[in-house]
Every structure is written in structure tokens, then in C-alpha cells.
Amino acid sequence: MIKNGIRPIATFNRTALICAAAAMALAGCNLTAEEKAAAAAKRAAPTAVVMPATKGEAVEGGLMKSPDGYPNFGAPLTAANVQMSDEQAAELQHQLTALAARRKAGTISEAEYQAKVTEMRRLAAEHGPQTLSEISK
């Protein structure tokens, strides 16, 4: 006769089912590369979109006024400051490309090149605070 009975078999089956359910639950947590990329895209910062003014006159602070003189908050927002035009960007790119070509060709010394780079970095560092002070006036 069986001395242990059916209790150890039932306990073993119950434990096996619990382990299988836990393994299936943990396996569901794995993401594929596409799912990871989609999740990262959802967490990424949104890109800025500048809308042109469509109605009314722009006033100080960028708010539009309705004909009765009250601010109109329904108009699309415009850029806070003048943006770089395509022509300005192309000119700057042309200048930097020419500087790199002169350095590569050897027509400009390393000291002159480093002086230009230092000048551009100084301009970049000072331009932001200088522009903010002009805007706040």
C-alpha cells in the first residue's frame, strides 16, 4: 500500500504550476528591439514647431489682441525671437567649410585656426547672455 498518499503529488503539481505561471509572466516582460525603440521614441522630447501668426497684430510678449483690445489666447504661438534664416545658415556653413579646407590644405597655420575656433567659441558663450539682456530691455 501507499504510505505517503496523494498529498505530496498534489503539492508538487501545485508548485510546478506556480513556477510555470511565474516563468510565463516574466517572459512577457521582455521587449523586442522594435518595441524598445518605440518605447524610447515615446519618451523622447517633442520637437519644437513654430507656427506663423495668422490673425491680429503681434504685441509685446507675443500675445495677439482681438479687435476689442483684450488679449486673444486662441491664436497660435510664434517664435520668441527671430530665427536664423536658411541663407544665414548656408553662409555660416560655407565659412566653416572654407576654414576647415584652409586648415587641411595648410594655407592657414594651426595657431590662426585655433584663434578662429576660440573666437567662435567666445561668441557662442557671450551671444546668449547678450541677446537675453537685449530682449529684457
Protein backbone atom coordinates (compact mmCIF):
# COMPACT_ATOMS: atom_id res chain seq x y z
CA MET A 1 0.00 0.00 0.00
CA ILE A 2 0.97 3.63 -0.48
CA LYS A 3 2.04 5.14 2.81
CA ASN A 4 2.56 8.76 1.67
CA GLY A 5 -0.76 9.23 -0.03
CA ILE A 6 -1.62 11.73 -2.73
CA ARG A 7 -0.72 14.90 -0.79
CA PRO A 8 2.99 15.08 -1.95
CA ILE A 9 1.91 14.64 -5.58
CA ALA A 10 -0.68 17.43 -5.28
CA THR A 11 1.90 19.72 -3.62
CA PHE A 12 4.41 19.01 -6.39
CA ASN A 13 1.81 19.74 -9.10
CA ARG A 14 0.74 22.97 -7.39
CA THR A 15 4.36 24.13 -7.09
CA ALA A 16 5.05 23.26 -10.73
CA LEU A 17 2.00 25.25 -11.88
CA ILE A 18 3.02 28.28 -9.79
CA CYS A 19 6.57 28.16 -11.21
CA ALA A 20 5.26 27.83 -14.75
CA ALA A 21 2.91 30.79 -14.28
CA ALA A 22 5.75 32.90 -12.84
CA ALA A 23 8.04 31.97 -15.75
CA MET A 24 5.36 32.91 -18.29
CA ALA A 25 4.73 36.22 -16.52
CA LEU A 26 8.44 37.07 -16.51
CA ALA A 27 8.81 36.07 -20.15
CA GLY A 28 6.10 38.57 -21.04
CA CYS A 29 8.27 41.42 -19.66
CA ASN A 30 10.92 41.02 -22.37
CA LEU A 31 10.64 43.51 -25.24
CA THR A 32 11.84 43.09 -28.78
CA ALA A 33 14.20 45.65 -30.32
CA GLU A 34 11.32 47.27 -32.21
CA GLU A 35 9.25 47.56 -29.04
CA LYS A 36 12.21 49.09 -27.18
CA ALA A 37 12.73 51.62 -30.00
CA ALA A 38 9.02 52.52 -29.98
CA ALA A 39 9.07 53.00 -26.19
CA ALA A 40 12.19 55.20 -26.45
CA ALA A 41 10.52 57.29 -29.17
CA LYS A 42 7.52 57.85 -26.89
CA ARG A 43 9.81 59.04 -24.08
CA ALA A 44 11.83 61.38 -26.34
CA ALA A 45 11.36 65.13 -26.05
CA PRO A 46 8.99 66.57 -28.64
CA THR A 47 10.40 68.67 -31.45
CA ALA A 48 9.60 72.38 -31.47
CA VAL A 49 7.18 73.64 -34.09
CA VAL A 50 6.98 77.36 -34.77
CA MET A 51 3.63 78.48 -36.09
CA PRO A 52 3.27 81.72 -38.05
CA ALA A 53 0.82 84.31 -36.82
CA THR A 54 -2.49 84.09 -38.66
CA LYS A 55 -4.75 86.67 -37.01
CA GLY A 56 -4.31 90.03 -35.36
CA GLU A 57 -1.23 92.07 -34.64
CA ALA A 58 1.62 90.75 -32.52
CA VAL A 59 2.08 92.76 -29.35
CA GLU A 60 4.72 92.78 -26.65
CA GLY A 61 5.06 89.32 -25.17
CA GLY A 62 3.81 87.64 -28.34
CA LEU A 63 0.11 87.78 -27.42
CA MET A 64 -2.43 88.69 -30.08
CA LYS A 65 -5.14 91.24 -29.37
CA SER A 66 -8.70 90.90 -30.52
CA PRO A 67 -10.49 93.93 -32.06
CA ASP A 68 -11.91 94.90 -28.65
CA GLY A 69 -8.39 95.22 -27.18
CA TYR A 70 -8.37 92.13 -24.99
CA PRO A 71 -5.62 89.53 -25.41
CA ASN A 72 -6.52 86.59 -27.62
CA PHE A 73 -5.09 83.36 -26.25
CA GLY A 74 -6.53 81.25 -29.08
CA ALA A 75 -4.03 82.37 -31.74
CA PRO A 76 -1.10 80.05 -32.48
CA LEU A 77 2.17 80.90 -30.77
CA THR A 78 5.07 82.33 -32.74
CA ALA A 79 8.80 82.11 -32.08
CA ALA A 80 10.09 84.08 -29.11
CA ASN A 81 12.82 85.67 -31.19
CA VAL A 82 13.92 85.98 -34.79
CA GLN A 83 15.21 82.67 -36.05
CA MET A 84 18.24 82.08 -38.25
CA SER A 85 17.27 82.12 -41.92
CA ASP A 86 18.29 79.46 -44.41
CA GLU A 87 20.62 81.94 -46.10
CA GLN A 88 22.38 82.74 -42.81
CA ALA A 89 22.79 79.04 -42.04
CA ALA A 90 24.20 78.38 -45.52
CA GLU A 91 26.65 81.30 -45.19
CA LEU A 92 27.84 80.06 -41.79
CA GLN A 93 28.25 76.54 -43.15
CA HIS A 94 30.23 77.94 -46.11
CA GLN A 95 32.54 79.88 -43.75
CA LEU A 96 33.20 76.85 -41.56
CA THR A 97 33.77 74.58 -44.57
CA ALA A 98 36.23 77.11 -46.04
CA LEU A 99 38.08 77.34 -42.71
CA ALA A 100 38.36 73.54 -42.50
CA ALA A 101 39.56 73.36 -46.12
CA ARG A 102 42.20 76.05 -45.49
CA ARG A 103 43.42 74.13 -42.43
CA LYS A 104 43.57 70.85 -44.36
CA ALA A 105 45.40 72.49 -47.30
CA GLY A 106 47.91 74.12 -44.95
CA THR A 107 47.19 77.71 -46.07
CA ILE A 108 46.31 78.66 -42.50
CA SER A 109 48.58 77.96 -39.56
CA GLU A 110 47.41 75.90 -36.61
CA ALA A 111 47.67 78.99 -34.39
CA GLU A 112 45.39 81.00 -36.71
CA TYR A 113 42.93 78.10 -36.86
CA GLN A 114 42.86 77.78 -33.07
CA ALA A 115 42.41 81.57 -32.77
CA LYS A 116 39.36 81.40 -35.08
CA VAL A 117 37.95 78.45 -33.11
CA THR A 118 38.49 80.33 -29.83
CA GLU A 119 36.79 83.41 -31.30
CA MET A 120 33.76 81.38 -32.38
CA ARG A 121 33.51 79.66 -29.01
CA ARG A 122 33.74 83.04 -27.23
CA LEU A 123 30.99 84.38 -29.49
CA ALA A 124 28.84 81.33 -28.72
CA ALA A 125 29.38 81.76 -24.97
CA GLU A 126 28.65 85.52 -24.95
CA HIS A 127 25.88 85.64 -27.55
CA GLY A 128 23.20 84.03 -25.37
CA PRO A 129 23.52 86.33 -22.31
CA GLN A 130 23.98 89.38 -24.56
CA THR A 131 20.81 88.58 -26.51
CA LEU A 132 18.86 87.94 -23.30
CA SER A 133 19.91 91.33 -21.95
CA GLU A 134 18.74 92.99 -25.18
CA ILE A 135 15.40 91.16 -25.05
CA SER A 136 14.79 92.09 -21.40
CA LYS A 137 15.18 95.85 -22.10
